[in-house]
Amino acid sequence: MRSNGHEGTGARQTMKDDVHWRRSRLAARIILRGRAGKLTPRDRRVGALLKRDPGVTDRLIDQALASLRARPARRRPAHRDTNV
């Protein structure tokens, strides 16, 4: 993995610190928006840049897609009727 600027401090690098992992997650979100038919011109531009990045591999994108699918959708808490 790439340097996170914390060498020698005992800090442990996580996947969140890895630039290629973050870019792969971005690519995965763009893929999901494309599948939903909601691509913007910006998505297309960024996607083209990510496609040329040698560190953004198919494997990382597949892992990012799995990670995004595994997370529960953020939902608002159910509205409670206080007049019961």
C-alpha atoms as a PDB file:
ATOM      1  CA  MET A   1       0.000   0.000   0.000  1.00  0.00           C
ATOM      2  CA  ARG A   2       1.035   3.553  -0.407  1.00  0.00           C
ATOM      3  CA  SER A   3       2.436   5.762   2.290  1.00  0.00           C
ATOM      4  CA  ASN A   4      -0.052   7.594   4.484  1.00  0.00           C
ATOM      5  CA  GLY A   5       2.468   9.961   6.035  1.00  0.00           C
ATOM      6  CA  HIS A   6       2.526   8.180   9.405  1.00  0.00           C
ATOM      7  CA  GLU A   7       5.681   6.077   9.069  1.00  0.00           C
ATOM      8  CA  GLY A   8       7.502   5.543  12.322  1.00  0.00           C
ATOM      9  CA  THR A   9       4.605   6.762  14.458  1.00  0.00           C
ATOM     10  CA  GLY A  10       3.162   3.317  15.050  1.00  0.00           C
ATOM     11  CA  ALA A  11      -0.047   4.274  13.234  1.00  0.00           C
ATOM     12  CA  ARG A  12      -1.488   1.417  11.256  1.00  0.00           C
ATOM     13  CA  GLN A  13      -2.607   2.005   7.695  1.00  0.00           C
ATOM     14  CA  THR A  14      -6.128   0.896   6.832  1.00  0.00           C
ATOM     15  CA  MET A  15      -7.821   0.338   3.505  1.00  0.00           C
ATOM     16  CA  LYS A  16      -9.525   3.718   3.954  1.00  0.00           C
ATOM     17  CA  ASP A  17      -6.083   5.324   3.779  1.00  0.00           C
ATOM     18  CA  ASP A  18      -5.276   3.658   0.451  1.00  0.00           C
ATOM     19  CA  VAL A  19      -5.802   5.981  -2.513  1.00  0.00           C
ATOM     20  CA  HIS A  20      -6.569   3.115  -4.903  1.00  0.00           C
ATOM     21  CA  TRP A  21      -9.211   1.693  -2.567  1.00  0.00           C
ATOM     22  CA  ARG A  22     -10.919   5.089  -2.342  1.00  0.00           C
ATOM     23  CA  ARG A  23     -10.787   5.503  -6.118  1.00  0.00           C
ATOM     24  CA  SER A  24     -12.164   1.983  -6.604  1.00  0.00           C
ATOM     25  CA  ARG A  25     -15.093   2.793  -4.316  1.00  0.00           C
ATOM     26  CA  LEU A  26     -15.749   5.909  -6.374  1.00  0.00           C
ATOM     27  CA  ALA A  27     -15.667   3.804  -9.559  1.00  0.00           C
ATOM     28  CA  ALA A  28     -18.085   1.327  -7.969  1.00  0.00           C
ATOM     29  CA  ARG A  29     -20.522   4.106  -7.081  1.00  0.00           C
ATOM     30  CA  ILE A  30     -20.346   5.373 -10.669  1.00  0.00           C
ATOM     31  CA  ILE A  31     -21.043   1.842 -11.944  1.00  0.00           C
ATOM     32  CA  LEU A  32     -24.075   1.549  -9.668  1.00  0.00           C
ATOM     33  CA  ARG A  33     -25.394   4.933 -10.844  1.00  0.00           C
ATOM     34  CA  GLY A  34     -24.893   3.801 -14.444  1.00  0.00           C
ATOM     35  CA  ARG A  35     -26.876   0.622 -13.799  1.00  0.00           C
ATOM     36  CA  ALA A  36     -29.644   2.786 -12.339  1.00  0.00           C
ATOM     37  CA  GLY A  37     -29.589   4.969 -15.472  1.00  0.00           C
ATOM     38  CA  LYS A  38     -28.541   8.074 -13.544  1.00  0.00           C
ATOM     39  CA  LEU A  39     -25.086   8.876 -14.972  1.00  0.00           C
ATOM     40  CA  THR A  40     -24.133  12.516 -15.208  1.00  0.00           C
ATOM     41  CA  PRO A  41     -21.550  14.015 -17.566  1.00  0.00           C
ATOM     42  CA  ARG A  42     -19.271  14.403 -14.528  1.00  0.00           C
ATOM     43  CA  ASP A  43     -19.627  10.666 -13.766  1.00  0.00           C
ATOM     44  CA  ARG A  44     -18.520   9.901 -17.318  1.00  0.00           C
ATOM     45  CA  ARG A  45     -15.466  12.189 -17.050  1.00  0.00           C
ATOM     46  CA  VAL A  46     -14.385  10.825 -13.677  1.00  0.00           C
ATOM     47  CA  GLY A  47     -15.043   7.262 -14.830  1.00  0.00           C
ATOM     48  CA  ALA A  48     -12.776   7.787 -17.841  1.00  0.00           C
ATOM     49  CA  LEU A  49      -9.992   9.039 -15.539  1.00  0.00           C
ATOM     50  CA  LEU A  50     -10.415   6.090 -13.172  1.00  0.00           C
ATOM     51  CA  LYS A  51     -10.385   3.663 -16.092  1.00  0.00           C
ATOM     52  CA  ARG A  52      -6.862   4.831 -16.988  1.00  0.00           C
ATOM     53  CA  ASP A  53      -5.558   4.561 -13.407  1.00  0.00           C
ATOM     54  CA  PRO A  54      -3.461   1.352 -13.195  1.00  0.00           C
ATOM     55  CA  GLY A  55      -4.079   1.072  -9.435  1.00  0.00           C
ATOM     56  CA  VAL A  56      -7.853   0.880  -9.847  1.00  0.00           C
ATOM     57  CA  THR A  57      -8.106  -2.796 -10.715  1.00  0.00           C
ATOM     58  CA  ASP A  58     -11.125  -4.933 -11.554  1.00  0.00           C
ATOM     59  CA  ARG A  59     -10.569  -6.832  -8.336  1.00  0.00           C
ATOM     60  CA  LEU A  60     -10.637  -3.693  -6.187  1.00  0.00           C
ATOM     61  CA  ILE A  61     -13.759  -2.468  -7.976  1.00  0.00           C
ATOM     62  CA  ASP A  62     -15.459  -5.842  -7.406  1.00  0.00           C
ATOM     63  CA  GLN A  63     -14.556  -5.655  -3.714  1.00  0.00           C
ATOM     64  CA  ALA A  64     -15.872  -2.098  -3.524  1.00  0.00           C
ATOM     65  CA  LEU A  65     -19.139  -3.137  -5.217  1.00  0.00           C
ATOM     66  CA  ALA A  66     -19.548  -5.951  -2.695  1.00  0.00           C
ATOM     67  CA  SER A  67     -18.805  -3.549   0.151  1.00  0.00           C
ATOM     68  CA  LEU A  68     -21.359  -1.014  -1.062  1.00  0.00           C
ATOM     69  CA  ARG A  69     -24.028  -3.687  -1.555  1.00  0.00           C
ATOM     70  CA  ALA A  70     -23.419  -5.122   1.923  1.00  0.00           C
ATOM     71  CA  ARG A  71     -24.036  -1.855   3.712  1.00  0.00           C
ATOM     72  CA  PRO A  72     -27.624  -1.295   4.779  1.00  0.00           C
ATOM     73  CA  ALA A  73     -29.345   1.675   3.220  1.00  0.00           C
ATOM     74  CA  ARG A  74     -29.416   4.675   5.507  1.00  0.00           C
ATOM     75  CA  ARG A  75     -32.973   5.294   6.441  1.00  0.00           C
ATOM     76  CA  ARG A  76     -34.721   7.808   8.588  1.00  0.00           C
ATOM     77  CA  PRO A  77     -36.044   6.466  11.854  1.00  0.00           C
ATOM     78  CA  ALA A  78     -39.675   5.444  11.669  1.00  0.00           C
ATOM     79  CA  HIS A  79     -42.044   8.254  12.545  1.00  0.00           C
ATOM     80  CA  ARG A  80     -43.682   7.630  15.885  1.00  0.00           C
ATOM     81  CA  ASP A  81     -47.136   8.858  16.608  1.00  0.00           C
ATOM     82  CA  THR A  82     -46.874  10.601  19.963  1.00  0.00           C
ATOM     83  CA  ASN A  83     -50.644  10.886  20.356  1.00  0.00           C
ATOM     84  CA  VAL A  84     -51.185   7.204  21.174  1.00  0.00           C
END
